PDB file of N, CA and C in Angstrom:
ATOM      1  N   MET A   1       8.987  22.089   6.041  1.00  0.00           N
ATOM      2  CA  MET A   1       8.749  21.450   7.317  1.00  0.00           C
ATOM      3  C   MET A   1       9.949  21.677   8.205  1.00  0.00           C
ATOM      4  N   LYS A   2      11.122  21.889   7.699  1.00  0.00           N
ATOM      5  CA  LYS A   2      12.229  22.149   8.539  1.00  0.00           C
ATOM      6  C   LYS A   2      12.082  23.433   9.380  1.00  0.00           C
ATOM      7  N   LEU A   3      11.409  24.422   8.752  1.00  0.00           N
ATOM      8  CA  LEU A   3      11.147  25.621   9.507  1.00  0.00           C
ATOM      9  C   LEU A   3      10.337  25.414  10.748  1.00  0.00           C
ATOM     10  N   MET A   4       9.404  24.437  10.711  1.00  0.00           N
ATOM     11  CA  MET A   4       8.632  24.152  11.896  1.00  0.00           C
ATOM     12  C   MET A   4       9.323  23.183  12.864  1.00  0.00           C
ATOM     13  N   GLY A   5      10.534  22.724  12.509  1.00  0.00           N
ATOM     14  CA  GLY A   5      11.343  21.905  13.364  1.00  0.00           C
ATOM     15  C   GLY A   5      11.025  20.434  13.183  1.00  0.00           C
ATOM     16  N   MET A   6      10.291  20.090  12.240  1.00  0.00           N
ATOM     17  CA  MET A   6      10.006  18.568  11.942  1.00  0.00           C
ATOM     18  C   MET A   6      11.227  18.013  11.254  1.00  0.00           C
ATOM     19  N   LYS A   7      11.464  16.766  11.857  1.00  0.00           N
ATOM     20  CA  LYS A   7      12.656  16.067  11.290  1.00  0.00           C
ATOM     21  C   LYS A   7      12.104  15.282  10.030  1.00  0.00           C
ATOM     22  N   ALA A   8      13.148  15.145   9.105  1.00  0.00           N
ATOM     23  CA  ALA A   8      12.838  14.517   7.750  1.00  0.00           C
ATOM     24  C   ALA A   8      12.250  13.142   7.902  1.00  0.00           C
ATOM     25  N   TYR A   9      12.762  12.342   8.806  1.00  0.00           N
ATOM     26  CA  TYR A   9      12.331  10.904   8.920  1.00  0.00           C
ATOM     27  C   TYR A   9      10.769  10.890   9.414  1.00  0.00           C
ATOM     28  N   LEU A  10      10.409  11.858  10.214  1.00  0.00           N
ATOM     29  CA  LEU A  10       8.938  11.909  10.628  1.00  0.00           C
ATOM     30  C   LEU A  10       8.094  12.274   9.440  1.00  0.00           C
ATOM     31  N   TYR A  11       8.516  13.161   8.653  1.00  0.00           N
ATOM     32  CA  TYR A  11       7.773  13.524   7.361  1.00  0.00           C
ATOM     33  C   TYR A  11       7.504  12.354   6.449  1.00  0.00           C
ATOM     34  N   TRP A  12       8.572  11.609   6.193  1.00  0.00           N
ATOM     35  CA  TRP A  12       8.517  10.497   5.370  1.00  0.00           C
ATOM     36  C   TRP A  12       7.690   9.385   5.997  1.00  0.00           C
ATOM     37  N   LEU A  13       7.888   9.098   7.255  1.00  0.00           N
ATOM     38  CA  LEU A  13       7.135   8.174   7.991  1.00  0.00           C
ATOM     39  C   LEU A  13       5.597   8.367   8.057  1.00  0.00           C
ATOM     40  N   ALA A  14       5.282   9.659   8.110  1.00  0.00           N
ATOM     41  CA  ALA A  14       3.887  10.112   8.088  1.00  0.00           C
ATOM     42  C   ALA A  14       3.234   9.769   6.706  1.00  0.00           C
ATOM     43  N   TRP A  15       4.006  10.044   5.678  1.00  0.00           N
ATOM     44  CA  TRP A  15       3.423   9.811   4.323  1.00  0.00           C
ATOM     45  C   TRP A  15       3.260   8.267   4.086  1.00  0.00           C
ATOM     46  N   ILE A  16       4.288   7.664   4.437  1.00  0.00           N
ATOM     47  CA  ILE A  16       4.284   6.099   4.222  1.00  0.00           C
ATOM     48  C   ILE A  16       3.068   5.464   5.070  1.00  0.00           C
ATOM     49  N   LEU A  17       2.993   5.912   6.253  1.00  0.00           N
ATOM     50  CA  LEU A  17       1.838   5.315   7.150  1.00  0.00           C
ATOM     51  C   LEU A  17       0.529   5.764   6.616  1.00  0.00           C
ATOM     52  N   LYS A  18       0.426   6.930   6.059  1.00  0.00           N
ATOM     53  CA  LYS A  18      -0.892   7.431   5.584  1.00  0.00           C
ATOM     54  C   LYS A  18      -1.318   6.525   4.393  1.00  0.00           C
ATOM     55  N   PHE A  19      -0.409   6.273   3.396  1.00  0.00           N
ATOM     56  CA  PHE A  19      -0.786   5.509   2.328  1.00  0.00           C
ATOM     57  C   PHE A  19      -0.966   3.959   2.643  1.00  0.00           C
ATOM     58  N   ILE A  20      -0.166   3.567   3.497  1.00  0.00           N
ATOM     59  CA  ILE A  20      -0.361   2.118   3.969  1.00  0.00           C
ATOM     60  C   ILE A  20      -1.789   1.917   4.548  1.00  0.00           C
ATOM     61  N   ILE A  21      -2.180   2.865   5.524  1.00  0.00           N
ATOM     62  CA  ILE A  21      -3.485   2.735   5.994  1.00  0.00           C
ATOM     63  C   ILE A  21      -4.510   2.833   4.982  1.00  0.00           C
ATOM     64  N   CYS A  22      -4.399   3.747   3.984  1.00  0.00           N
ATOM     65  CA  CYS A  22      -5.409   3.893   2.961  1.00  0.00           C
ATOM     66  C   CYS A  22      -5.448   2.660   2.108  1.00  0.00           C
ATOM     67  N   MET A  23      -4.360   1.958   1.806  1.00  0.00           N
ATOM     68  CA  MET A  23      -4.301   0.853   1.071  1.00  0.00           C
ATOM     69  C   MET A  23      -4.795  -0.379   1.691  1.00  0.00           C
ATOM     70  N   MET A  24      -4.721  -0.493   3.021  1.00  0.00           N
ATOM     71  CA  MET A  24      -5.250  -1.608   3.724  1.00  0.00           C
ATOM     72  C   MET A  24      -6.771  -1.772   3.601  1.00  0.00           C
ATOM     73  N   VAL A  25      -7.476  -0.614   3.318  1.00  0.00           N
ATOM     74  CA  VAL A  25      -8.880  -0.728   3.096  1.00  0.00           C
ATOM     75  C   VAL A  25      -9.098  -1.530   1.619  1.00  0.00           C
ATOM     76  N   SER A  26      -8.382  -1.151   0.627  1.00  0.00           N
ATOM     77  CA  SER A  26      -8.379  -1.831  -0.554  1.00  0.00           C
ATOM     78  C   SER A  26      -7.991  -3.237  -0.571  1.00  0.00           C
ATOM     79  N   VAL A  27      -6.938  -3.603   0.172  1.00  0.00           N
ATOM     80  CA  VAL A  27      -6.475  -4.970   0.338  1.00  0.00           C
ATOM     81  C   VAL A  27      -7.533  -5.734   1.069  1.00  0.00           C
ATOM     82  N   ALA A  28      -8.179  -5.212   2.127  1.00  0.00           N
ATOM     83  CA  ALA A  28      -9.248  -5.992   2.827  1.00  0.00           C
ATOM     84  C   ALA A  28     -10.544  -6.200   1.899  1.00  0.00           C
ATOM     85  N   ILE A  29     -10.812  -5.284   1.098  1.00  0.00           N
ATOM     86  CA  ILE A  29     -11.932  -5.456   0.148  1.00  0.00           C
ATOM     87  C   ILE A  29     -11.615  -6.488  -0.969  1.00  0.00           C
ATOM     88  N   MET A  30     -10.267  -6.333  -1.430  1.00  0.00           N
ATOM     89  CA  MET A  30      -9.906  -7.271  -2.427  1.00  0.00           C
ATOM     90  C   MET A  30      -9.861  -8.756  -1.920  1.00  0.00           C
ATOM     91  N   THR A  31      -9.453  -8.938  -0.700  1.00  0.00           N
ATOM     92  CA  THR A  31      -9.371 -10.251  -0.029  1.00  0.00           C
ATOM     93  C   THR A  31     -10.793 -10.852   0.120  1.00  0.00           C
ATOM     94  N   LEU A  32     -11.656  -9.965   0.600  1.00  0.00           N
ATOM     95  CA  LEU A  32     -13.064 -10.417   0.634  1.00  0.00           C
ATOM     96  C   LEU A  32     -13.654 -10.782  -0.691  1.00  0.00           C
ATOM     97  N   LEU A  33     -13.494 -10.043  -1.684  1.00  0.00           N
ATOM     98  CA  LEU A  33     -14.014 -10.371  -3.012  1.00  0.00           C
ATOM     99  C   LEU A  33     -13.318 -11.589  -3.684  1.00  0.00           C
ATOM    100  N   PHE A  34     -12.028 -11.831  -3.327  1.00  0.00           N
ATOM    101  CA  PHE A  34     -11.416 -13.033  -3.886  1.00  0.00           C
ATOM    102  C   PHE A  34     -11.982 -14.327  -3.258  1.00  0.00           C
ATOM    103  N   HIS A  35     -12.345 -14.297  -2.064  1.00  0.00           N
ATOM    104  CA  HIS A  35     -12.793 -15.488  -1.333  1.00  0.00           C
ATOM    105  C   HIS A  35     -14.253 -15.589  -1.057  1.00  0.00           C
ATOM    106  N   VAL A  36     -15.128 -14.682  -1.620  1.00  0.00           N
ATOM    107  CA  VAL A  36     -16.531 -14.885  -1.625  1.00  0.00           C
ATOM    108  C   VAL A  36     -16.969 -16.085  -2.378  1.00  0.00           C
ATOM    109  N   LYS A  37     -17.764 -17.017  -1.678  1.00  0.00           N
ATOM    110  CA  LYS A  37     -18.180 -18.164  -2.294  1.00  0.00           C
ATOM    111  C   LYS A  37     -19.483 -17.938  -3.188  1.00  0.00           C
ATOM    112  N   THR A  38     -19.419 -18.430  -4.440  1.00  0.00           N
ATOM    113  CA  THR A  38     -20.497 -18.212  -5.375  1.00  0.00           C
ATOM    114  C   THR A  38     -20.902 -19.646  -5.825  1.00  0.00           C
ATOM    115  N   GLU A  39     -21.813 -19.623  -6.787  1.00  0.00           N
ATOM    116  CA  GLU A  39     -22.231 -20.886  -7.365  1.00  0.00           C
ATOM    117  C   GLU A  39     -21.171 -21.787  -8.035  1.00  0.00           C
ATOM    118  N   ASN A  40     -20.184 -20.995  -8.616  1.00  0.00           N
ATOM    119  CA  ASN A  40     -19.127 -21.697  -9.236  1.00  0.00           C
ATOM    120  C   ASN A  40     -17.813 -21.836  -8.417  1.00  0.00           C
ATOM    121  N   GLY A  41     -17.961 -21.401  -7.126  1.00  0.00           N
ATOM    122  CA  GLY A  41     -16.851 -21.343  -6.187  1.00  0.00           C
ATOM    123  C   GLY A  41     -16.297 -19.967  -6.116  1.00  0.00           C
ATOM    124  N   SER A  42     -15.173 -19.870  -5.405  1.00  0.00           N
ATOM    125  CA  SER A  42     -14.578 -18.566  -5.275  1.00  0.00           C
ATOM    126  C   SER A  42     -13.477 -18.339  -6.279  1.00  0.00           C
ATOM    127  N   MET A  43     -13.031 -17.125  -6.394  1.00  0.00           N
ATOM    128  CA  MET A  43     -11.953 -16.771  -7.366  1.00  0.00           C
ATOM    129  C   MET A  43     -10.659 -17.530  -7.038  1.00  0.00           C
ATOM    130  N   VAL A  44     -10.377 -17.615  -5.726  1.00  0.00           N
ATOM    131  CA  VAL A  44      -9.189 -18.256  -5.165  1.00  0.00           C
ATOM    132  C   VAL A  44      -9.669 -19.366  -4.188  1.00  0.00           C
ATOM    133  N   THR A  45      -9.823 -20.530  -4.799  1.00  0.00           N
ATOM    134  CA  THR A  45     -10.432 -21.658  -4.140  1.00  0.00           C
ATOM    135  C   THR A  45      -9.592 -22.344  -2.979  1.00  0.00           C
ATOM    136  N   TYR A  46      -8.364 -22.558  -3.302  1.00  0.00           N
ATOM    137  CA  TYR A  46      -7.531 -23.345  -2.342  1.00  0.00           C
ATOM    138  C   TYR A  46      -6.536 -22.589  -1.475  1.00  0.00           C
ATOM    139  N   THR A  47      -6.777 -21.325  -1.345  1.00  0.00           N
ATOM    140  CA  THR A  47      -5.908 -20.409  -0.478  1.00  0.00           C
ATOM    141  C   THR A  47      -6.536 -19.854   0.614  1.00  0.00           C
ATOM    142  N   ASN A  48      -5.931 -19.985   1.869  1.00  0.00           N
ATOM    143  CA  ASN A  48      -6.374 -19.289   2.975  1.00  0.00           C
ATOM    144  C   ASN A  48      -6.468 -17.794   2.841  1.00  0.00           C
ATOM    145  N   PRO A  49      -7.644 -17.146   3.262  1.00  0.00           N
ATOM    146  CA  PRO A  49      -7.744 -15.750   3.122  1.00  0.00           C
ATOM    147  C   PRO A  49      -6.668 -14.916   3.863  1.00  0.00           C
ATOM    148  N   SER A  50      -6.066 -15.430   4.965  1.00  0.00           N
ATOM    149  CA  SER A  50      -5.018 -14.705   5.620  1.00  0.00           C
ATOM    150  C   SER A  50      -3.753 -14.629   4.859  1.00  0.00           C
ATOM    151  N   ILE A  51      -3.505 -15.693   4.030  1.00  0.00           N
ATOM    152  CA  ILE A  51      -2.321 -15.726   3.198  1.00  0.00           C
ATOM    153  C   ILE A  51      -2.482 -14.684   2.069  1.00  0.00           C
ATOM    154  N   THR A  52      -3.653 -14.590   1.441  1.00  0.00           N
ATOM    155  CA  THR A  52      -4.005 -13.592   0.435  1.00  0.00           C
ATOM    156  C   THR A  52      -3.732 -12.189   0.962  1.00  0.00           C
ATOM    157  N   PHE A  53      -4.321 -12.025   2.244  1.00  0.00           N
ATOM    158  CA  PHE A  53      -4.236 -10.716   2.796  1.00  0.00           C
ATOM    159  C   PHE A  53      -2.746 -10.333   3.110  1.00  0.00           C
ATOM    160  N   VAL A  54      -1.992 -11.238   3.560  1.00  0.00           N
ATOM    161  CA  VAL A  54      -0.535 -10.916   3.824  1.00  0.00           C
ATOM    162  C   VAL A  54       0.149 -10.644   2.550  1.00  0.00           C
ATOM    163  N   PHE A  55      -0.102 -11.419   1.497  1.00  0.00           N
ATOM    164  CA  PHE A  55       0.657 -11.249   0.221  1.00  0.00           C
ATOM    165  C   PHE A  55       0.333  -9.851  -0.371  1.00  0.00           C
ATOM    166  N   LEU A  56      -0.983  -9.481  -0.269  1.00  0.00           N
ATOM    167  CA  LEU A  56      -1.442  -8.245  -0.990  1.00  0.00           C
ATOM    168  C   LEU A  56      -0.875  -7.139  -0.030  1.00  0.00           C
ATOM    169  N   THR A  57      -0.833  -7.315   1.182  1.00  0.00           N
ATOM    170  CA  THR A  57      -0.283  -6.188   2.204  1.00  0.00           C
ATOM    171  C   THR A  57       1.186  -6.008   1.852  1.00  0.00           C
ATOM    172  N   LEU A  58       1.996  -7.114   1.700  1.00  0.00           N
ATOM    173  CA  LEU A  58       3.400  -6.948   1.487  1.00  0.00           C
ATOM    174  C   LEU A  58       3.600  -6.294   0.102  1.00  0.00           C
ATOM    175  N   PHE A  59       2.795  -6.704  -0.920  1.00  0.00           N
ATOM    176  CA  PHE A  59       2.912  -6.018  -2.238  1.00  0.00           C
ATOM    177  C   PHE A  59       2.695  -4.605  -2.158  1.00  0.00           C
ATOM    178  N   THR A  60       1.566  -4.251  -1.427  1.00  0.00           N
ATOM    179  CA  THR A  60       1.327  -2.736  -1.207  1.00  0.00           C
ATOM    180  C   THR A  60       2.348  -2.026  -0.521  1.00  0.00           C
ATOM    181  N   MET A  61       3.033  -2.604   0.442  1.00  0.00           N
ATOM    182  CA  MET A  61       4.041  -1.975   1.169  1.00  0.00           C
ATOM    183  C   MET A  61       5.298  -1.758   0.268  1.00  0.00           C
ATOM    184  N   THR A  62       5.547  -2.746  -0.522  1.00  0.00           N
ATOM    185  CA  THR A  62       6.708  -2.672  -1.389  1.00  0.00           C
ATOM    186  C   THR A  62       6.570  -1.521  -2.485  1.00  0.00           C
ATOM    187  N   VAL A  63       5.367  -1.447  -2.975  1.00  0.00           N
ATOM    188  CA  VAL A  63       5.024  -0.443  -4.018  1.00  0.00           C
ATOM    189  C   VAL A  63       5.204   1.006  -3.419  1.00  0.00           C
ATOM    190  N   ILE A  64       4.664   1.147  -2.196  1.00  0.00           N
ATOM    191  CA  ILE A  64       4.651   2.448  -1.560  1.00  0.00           C
ATOM    192  C   ILE A  64       6.055   2.863  -1.263  1.00  0.00           C
ATOM    193  N   VAL A  65       6.863   1.928  -0.735  1.00  0.00           N
ATOM    194  CA  VAL A  65       8.355   2.248  -0.396  1.00  0.00           C
ATOM    195  C   VAL A  65       9.073   2.534  -1.649  1.00  0.00           C
ATOM    196  N   PHE A  66       8.811   1.792  -2.652  1.00  0.00           N
ATOM    197  CA  PHE A  66       9.451   2.072  -3.976  1.00  0.00           C
ATOM    198  C   PHE A  66       9.114   3.418  -4.584  1.00  0.00           C
ATOM    199  N   CYS A  67       7.819   3.842  -4.401  1.00  0.00           N
ATOM    200  CA  CYS A  67       7.464   5.163  -4.955  1.00  0.00           C
ATOM    201  C   CYS A  67       8.138   6.181  -4.047  1.00  0.00           C
ATOM    202  N   CYS A  68       8.239   6.104  -2.730  1.00  0.00           N
ATOM    203  CA  CYS A  68       8.926   7.011  -1.954  1.00  0.00           C
ATOM    204  C   CYS A  68      10.446   7.081  -2.242  1.00  0.00           C
ATOM    205  N   ALA A  69      11.008   5.910  -2.548  1.00  0.00           N
ATOM    206  CA  ALA A  69      12.417   5.922  -2.881  1.00  0.00           C
ATOM    207  C   ALA A  69      12.695   6.495  -4.203  1.00  0.00           C
ATOM    208  N   MET A  70      11.736   6.396  -5.275  1.00  0.00           N
ATOM    209  CA  MET A  70      11.939   7.045  -6.437  1.00  0.00           C
ATOM    210  C   MET A  70      11.749   8.539  -6.341  1.00  0.00           C
ATOM    211  N   SER A  71      10.885   8.969  -5.395  1.00  0.00           N
ATOM    212  CA  SER A  71      10.659  10.458  -5.366  1.00  0.00           C
ATOM    213  C   SER A  71      11.907  11.231  -4.817  1.00  0.00           C
ATOM    214  N   THR A  72      12.760  10.576  -4.222  1.00  0.00           N
ATOM    215  CA  THR A  72      13.977  11.210  -3.762  1.00  0.00           C
ATOM    216  C   THR A  72      14.898  11.615  -4.939  1.00  0.00           C
ATOM    217  N   PHE A  73      14.751  11.124  -6.085  1.00  0.00           N
ATOM    218  CA  PHE A  73      15.590  11.489  -7.247  1.00  0.00           C
ATOM    219  C   PHE A  73      15.159  12.796  -7.903  1.00  0.00           C
ATOM    220  N   PHE A  74      13.942  13.177  -7.573  1.00  0.00           N
ATOM    221  CA  PHE A  74      13.360  14.308  -8.261  1.00  0.00           C
ATOM    222  C   PHE A  74      13.135  15.540  -7.229  1.00  0.00           C
ATOM    223  N   SER A  75      13.534  16.726  -7.474  1.00  0.00           N
ATOM    224  CA  SER A  75      13.246  17.758  -6.586  1.00  0.00           C
ATOM    225  C   SER A  75      12.049  18.593  -6.936  1.00  0.00           C
ATOM    226  N   HIS A  76      11.669  18.615  -8.183  1.00  0.00           N
ATOM    227  CA  HIS A  76      10.424  19.286  -8.611  1.00  0.00           C
ATOM    228  C   HIS A  76       9.922  18.757  -9.984  1.00  0.00           C
ATOM    229  N   CYS A  77       8.795  19.093 -10.337  1.00  0.00           N
ATOM    230  CA  CYS A  77       8.195  18.466 -11.559  1.00  0.00           C
ATOM    231  C   CYS A  77       8.426  19.600 -12.706  1.00  0.00           C
ATOM    232  N   LYS A  78       8.772  19.159 -13.814  1.00  0.00           N
ATOM    233  CA  LYS A  78       8.989  19.979 -14.939  1.00  0.00           C
ATOM    234  C   LYS A  78       7.930  19.554 -16.124  1.00  0.00           C
ATOM    235  N   PHE A  79       7.151  20.452 -16.579  1.00  0.00           N
ATOM    236  CA  PHE A  79       6.311  20.047 -17.666  1.00  0.00           C
ATOM    237  C   PHE A  79       6.943  20.619 -18.903  1.00  0.00           C
ATOM    238  N   PRO A  80       6.715  19.993 -20.048  1.00  0.00           N
ATOM    239  CA  PRO A  80       7.184  20.550 -21.291  1.00  0.00           C
ATOM    240  C   PRO A  80       6.573  21.730 -21.776  1.00  0.00           C
TER     241      PRO A  80
END
């Protein structure tokens, strides 16, 4: 990407944003499924859905940033 003139931080930011947006769909579906009311009640009865959404979003962001941070230690993949 350096040949095209792209800065390194833009490259990393694009990857992080791409995966955060993709994971937001999963987080929204999980939040809905956790709080759907059934005959026996919902999976998470006494929690506000917005708190569940924020918690899962923060967890998703930390996992993505951790994976990006770990990828800086490896330059290429070696298979045995």
